[in-house]
Amino acid sequence: MAGQRRLLVIGIVGTLIAALCCSTSILVLLLAALGIASLTGYLDYVLLPALAFFVGLTIYAVYRKRRS
């Protein structure tokens, strides 16, 4: 039971972080502050699959929680 709750929390937190980085310029500002702003062109290749993964993980955790 605790594993299912942990899976759900990880899914929700990951989804929120990925969505926040996708929709705002927080990550762009962070990369600029670190001096690696040239990587901002590649963010879509990482953030969108991460968002899809965490949304899928959240759906899977909710499915497992309802099933048990």
Protein backbone atom coordinates (compact mmCIF):
# COMPACT_ATOMS: atom_id res chain seq x y z
CA MET A 1 0.00 0.00 0.00
CA ALA A 2 2.82 2.41 0.82
CA GLY A 3 4.50 1.65 -2.50
CA GLN A 4 1.39 2.68 -4.41
CA ARG A 5 1.16 5.97 -2.53
CA ARG A 6 4.84 6.64 -3.13
CA LEU A 7 4.41 5.92 -6.85
CA LEU A 8 1.48 8.35 -7.01
CA VAL A 9 3.40 11.09 -5.20
CA ILE A 10 6.42 10.68 -7.49
CA GLY A 11 4.15 10.84 -10.53
CA ILE A 12 2.37 13.98 -9.38
CA VAL A 13 5.53 15.81 -8.31
CA GLY A 14 7.32 14.88 -11.53
CA THR A 15 4.36 16.02 -13.61
CA LEU A 16 4.22 19.36 -11.80
CA ILE A 17 7.94 20.00 -12.19
CA ALA A 18 7.99 19.04 -15.87
CA ALA A 19 4.87 21.11 -16.58
CA LEU A 20 6.35 24.09 -14.75
CA CYS A 21 9.56 23.89 -16.75
CA CYS A 22 7.66 23.46 -20.03
CA SER A 23 5.28 26.36 -19.55
CA THR A 24 7.56 28.95 -17.96
CA SER A 25 11.01 30.25 -18.57
CA ILE A 26 12.36 29.15 -15.19
CA LEU A 27 14.67 26.58 -16.73
CA VAL A 28 15.86 29.02 -19.40
CA LEU A 29 16.79 31.54 -16.73
CA LEU A 30 18.56 28.85 -14.71
CA LEU A 31 20.57 27.71 -17.73
CA ALA A 32 21.47 31.32 -18.54
CA ALA A 33 22.63 31.90 -14.97
CA LEU A 34 24.83 28.80 -15.19
CA GLY A 35 26.30 30.00 -18.47
CA ILE A 36 24.95 27.15 -20.58
CA ALA A 37 22.09 28.95 -22.28
CA SER A 38 23.01 27.36 -25.60
CA LEU A 39 21.24 24.20 -24.39
CA THR A 40 17.82 25.87 -24.37
CA GLY A 41 17.17 24.74 -27.93
CA TYR A 42 17.26 21.13 -26.77
CA LEU A 43 14.85 21.48 -23.86
CA ASP A 44 11.84 20.34 -25.88
CA TYR A 45 13.58 17.04 -26.62
CA VAL A 46 13.87 16.35 -22.89
CA LEU A 47 10.94 18.10 -21.20
CA LEU A 48 8.06 16.89 -23.37
CA PRO A 49 8.96 13.17 -23.08
CA ALA A 50 9.54 13.67 -19.34
CA LEU A 51 6.11 15.26 -19.03
CA ALA A 52 4.51 12.40 -20.95
CA PHE A 53 6.34 9.84 -18.77
CA PHE A 54 5.24 11.41 -15.49
CA VAL A 55 1.64 11.83 -16.65
CA GLY A 56 1.64 8.16 -17.62
CA LEU A 57 3.16 7.22 -14.27
CA THR A 58 0.45 9.17 -12.45
CA ILE A 59 -2.30 7.48 -14.48
CA TYR A 60 -0.75 4.08 -13.80
CA ALA A 61 -0.51 4.78 -10.05
CA VAL A 62 -4.15 5.90 -9.90
CA TYR A 63 -5.18 2.76 -11.83
CA ARG A 64 -3.27 0.50 -9.43
CA LYS A 65 -4.67 2.30 -6.39
CA ARG A 66 -8.27 1.94 -7.59
CA ARG A 67 -7.72 -1.69 -8.55
CA SER A 68 -6.59 -2.73 -5.09
